[in-house]
Amino acid sequence: MTTTEVKNKVEEALEEIRPFLISDGGNIKLLSIEKNTVKVQLEGACSGCSVNQMTLKNGVEATIKKYVPHIEEVINIG
């Protein structure tokens, strides 16, 4: 899978998650993909939410791994 294909698949995964985040007053932005790590920025209500790490691991990371299985970790850069 090329770098562009990986980025497109990660963006697809984020599009699947985004409506749930928006419904809670937040959003998510892809910052970079470095090796097998995706760096994102939680925005709006998600940035200060007390459960954002759970959302990041259980929602965002799980969905991205479904689209791109070789991704090992998703990190929020806030």
Protein backbone atom coordinates (compact mmCIF):
# COMPACT_ATOMS: atom_id res chain seq x y z
CA MET A 1 0.00 0.00 0.00
CA THR A 2 1.48 3.36 -1.01
CA THR A 3 1.69 6.36 1.31
CA THR A 4 -1.15 8.03 -0.61
CA GLU A 5 -3.33 4.90 -0.33
CA VAL A 6 -2.70 4.70 3.43
CA LYS A 7 -3.59 8.38 3.85
CA ASN A 8 -6.78 7.94 1.80
CA LYS A 9 -7.81 4.89 3.85
CA VAL A 10 -7.15 6.74 7.13
CA GLU A 11 -9.26 9.67 5.84
CA GLU A 12 -12.04 7.18 4.95
CA ALA A 13 -11.93 5.83 8.49
CA LEU A 14 -12.10 9.35 9.93
CA GLU A 15 -15.11 10.11 7.73
CA GLU A 16 -16.86 7.09 9.27
CA ILE A 17 -16.14 8.38 12.80
CA ARG A 18 -16.64 12.11 12.20
CA PRO A 19 -20.49 12.17 12.40
CA PHE A 20 -20.36 10.73 15.93
CA LEU A 21 -17.80 13.29 17.04
CA ILE A 22 -19.71 16.17 15.42
CA SER A 23 -22.92 15.07 17.16
CA ASP A 24 -21.08 15.58 20.46
CA GLY A 25 -19.77 19.00 19.44
CA GLY A 26 -16.32 17.87 18.34
CA ASN A 27 -14.35 16.83 15.29
CA ILE A 28 -11.05 15.23 14.30
CA LYS A 29 -8.25 16.25 11.96
CA LEU A 30 -5.50 14.09 10.48
CA LEU A 31 -2.11 15.66 11.17
CA SER A 32 0.33 13.02 9.91
CA ILE A 33 1.11 9.37 9.43
CA GLU A 34 4.62 8.36 10.53
CA LYS A 35 5.57 4.72 10.02
CA ASN A 36 2.72 2.83 11.71
CA THR A 37 1.48 5.72 13.86
CA VAL A 38 -1.34 8.09 12.98
CA LYS A 39 -1.31 11.53 14.59
CA VAL A 40 -4.64 13.31 14.88
CA GLN A 41 -6.01 16.36 16.62
CA LEU A 42 -9.31 16.14 18.46
CA GLU A 43 -11.16 19.44 18.09
CA GLY A 44 -14.07 21.30 19.65
CA ALA A 45 -15.75 19.57 22.59
CA CYS A 46 -13.57 16.48 22.00
CA SER A 47 -10.37 18.32 22.87
CA GLY A 48 -11.38 18.89 26.49
CA CYS A 49 -13.61 15.87 26.94
CA SER A 50 -12.77 13.66 29.91
CA VAL A 51 -13.35 10.48 27.88
CA ASN A 52 -11.35 11.53 24.80
CA GLN A 53 -8.65 8.88 25.37
CA MET A 54 -11.32 6.17 25.46
CA THR A 55 -12.87 7.63 22.29
CA LEU A 56 -9.45 7.76 20.67
CA LYS A 57 -8.54 4.13 21.46
CA ASN A 58 -11.92 2.40 21.23
CA GLY A 59 -13.44 4.44 18.43
CA VAL A 60 -10.84 6.16 16.31
CA GLU A 61 -7.97 3.68 16.58
CA ALA A 62 -10.21 0.64 16.15
CA THR A 63 -11.84 2.10 13.04
CA ILE A 64 -8.54 3.15 11.47
CA LYS A 65 -7.11 -0.35 12.10
CA LYS A 66 -10.16 -1.82 10.35
CA TYR A 67 -9.25 0.20 7.24
CA VAL A 68 -5.45 -0.04 7.58
CA PRO A 69 -4.51 -3.11 9.66
CA HIS A 70 -0.78 -2.32 9.86
CA ILE A 71 -1.41 0.88 11.85
CA GLU A 72 -0.24 0.23 15.40
CA GLU A 73 -1.23 3.39 17.25
CA VAL A 74 -3.28 6.57 17.01
CA ILE A 75 -2.04 9.57 19.02
CA ASN A 76 -3.91 12.78 19.76
CA ILE A 77 -1.67 15.83 19.41
CA GLY A 78 -3.55 18.47 21.34
